[in-house]
Each structure stands twice: as structure tokens, then as C-alpha cells.
Amino acid sequence: MLLAAGCAPQQPPVIQQPPVIQPPVIQQPPASQQPSGPSATKNQGDNDRFRDFYECERESAFAGAGDKRQSFESCMKARGY
């Protein structure tokens, strides 16, 4: 039996689905277990400095007109700034 070109039975093409890529799951520890790194220390230092600043500013408000600046500076110096 002779088969002419193009007359042979053709098989359907095999279509492969692309693989499904799952993003990695990143698990965060609860806030109570998160390490306190430099950013936590820096934020605490900033909070302390701002608290000291406002407390000294408040103290100097009760000082006399000429003594306000001097009172503020001595308060900040006493707190280590």
C-alpha cells in the first residue's frame, strides 16, 4: 500500500499547560517575638529626645521673659543633649 504525502493520518498536537508558579509564603513572627533591631532603638531614642524637648520647653515657659532660653538650654543640658 502506498501513501501519498499529506494523506497519512495526523495525530493532534500535544498542548502542555505552563507550570503554575506559587509565590513564596513569608511568615512573620508575632509582634511580641520580632527582634528589636536598630530601627526600634532609633525610634525609642527619637521618642525620648522629643519627650525631653517638650518637657524642657514646658519648664522654660514658666521662667521669666529673659530667662526662657537659658532655662531651656540648662534643662536640655541636664538631660544630656
Protein backbone atom coordinates (compact mmCIF):
# COMPACT_ATOMS: atom_id res chain seq x y z
CA MET A 1 0.00 0.00 0.00
CA LEU A 2 1.36 3.37 -0.98
CA LEU A 3 0.53 6.52 0.88
CA ALA A 4 0.87 9.84 -0.76
CA ALA A 5 2.40 12.73 1.14
CA GLY A 6 -0.14 14.54 3.26
CA CYS A 7 -2.56 11.63 3.31
CA ALA A 8 -1.08 9.94 6.36
CA PRO A 9 -3.25 10.19 9.44
CA GLN A 10 -2.06 13.06 11.64
CA GLN A 11 -2.00 12.97 15.40
CA PRO A 12 -3.34 16.00 17.28
CA PRO A 13 -0.59 18.23 18.74
CA VAL A 14 0.14 17.79 22.42
CA ILE A 15 -0.57 21.03 24.30
CA GLN A 16 1.29 21.40 27.56
CA GLN A 17 -0.03 23.74 30.21
CA PRO A 18 2.55 26.14 31.64
CA PRO A 19 3.54 25.29 35.22
CA VAL A 20 1.72 27.21 37.93
CA ILE A 21 4.23 29.23 39.93
CA GLN A 22 3.24 29.83 43.53
CA PRO A 23 4.74 32.88 45.27
CA PRO A 24 6.71 32.01 48.40
CA VAL A 25 4.82 32.31 51.66
CA ILE A 26 6.62 34.58 54.10
CA GLN A 27 5.62 34.07 57.67
CA GLN A 28 6.13 36.93 60.09
CA PRO A 29 6.58 36.17 63.78
CA PRO A 30 4.07 37.85 66.12
CA ALA A 31 4.96 41.38 67.16
CA SER A 32 5.96 40.17 70.61
CA GLN A 33 8.61 37.90 69.08
CA GLN A 34 10.01 40.27 66.47
CA PRO A 35 13.62 41.26 67.11
CA SER A 36 14.25 44.80 68.16
CA GLY A 37 16.82 45.98 65.66
CA PRO A 38 18.49 49.34 65.11
CA SER A 39 15.27 50.91 63.82
CA ALA A 40 13.42 50.09 67.07
CA THR A 41 16.28 51.56 69.10
CA LYS A 42 16.40 54.66 66.90
CA ASN A 43 12.65 55.23 67.22
CA GLN A 44 12.86 54.88 71.01
CA GLY A 45 15.76 57.35 71.08
CA ASP A 46 13.80 59.82 68.97
CA ASN A 47 10.76 59.45 71.22
CA ASP A 48 12.88 60.09 74.32
CA ARG A 49 14.50 63.13 72.75
CA PHE A 50 11.16 64.64 71.68
CA ARG A 51 9.67 63.97 75.13
CA ASP A 52 12.66 65.67 76.79
CA PHE A 53 12.45 68.58 74.35
CA TYR A 54 8.78 69.23 75.10
CA GLU A 55 9.25 68.85 78.85
CA CYS A 56 12.11 71.36 78.82
CA GLU A 57 10.08 73.69 76.63
CA ARG A 58 7.22 73.47 79.11
CA GLU A 59 9.56 74.16 82.03
CA SER A 60 11.03 77.20 80.29
CA ALA A 61 7.53 78.60 79.72
CA PHE A 62 7.27 79.20 83.46
CA ALA A 63 10.58 81.07 83.57
CA GLY A 64 10.80 84.85 83.38
CA ALA A 65 10.87 86.62 80.00
CA GLY A 66 14.68 86.91 79.83
CA ASP A 67 15.37 83.52 81.34
CA LYS A 68 13.34 81.31 78.98
CA ARG A 69 16.16 80.44 76.60
CA GLN A 70 18.66 79.91 79.39
CA SER A 71 16.19 77.74 81.30
CA PHE A 72 15.53 75.61 78.20
CA GLU A 73 19.24 75.19 77.45
CA SER A 74 20.12 74.21 81.02
CA CYS A 75 17.24 71.70 81.10
CA MET A 76 18.37 70.05 77.82
CA LYS A 77 21.99 70.03 79.00
CA ALA A 78 20.93 68.32 82.24
CA ARG A 79 19.24 65.61 80.17
CA GLY A 80 22.39 65.04 78.12
CA TYR A 81 21.68 66.97 74.90
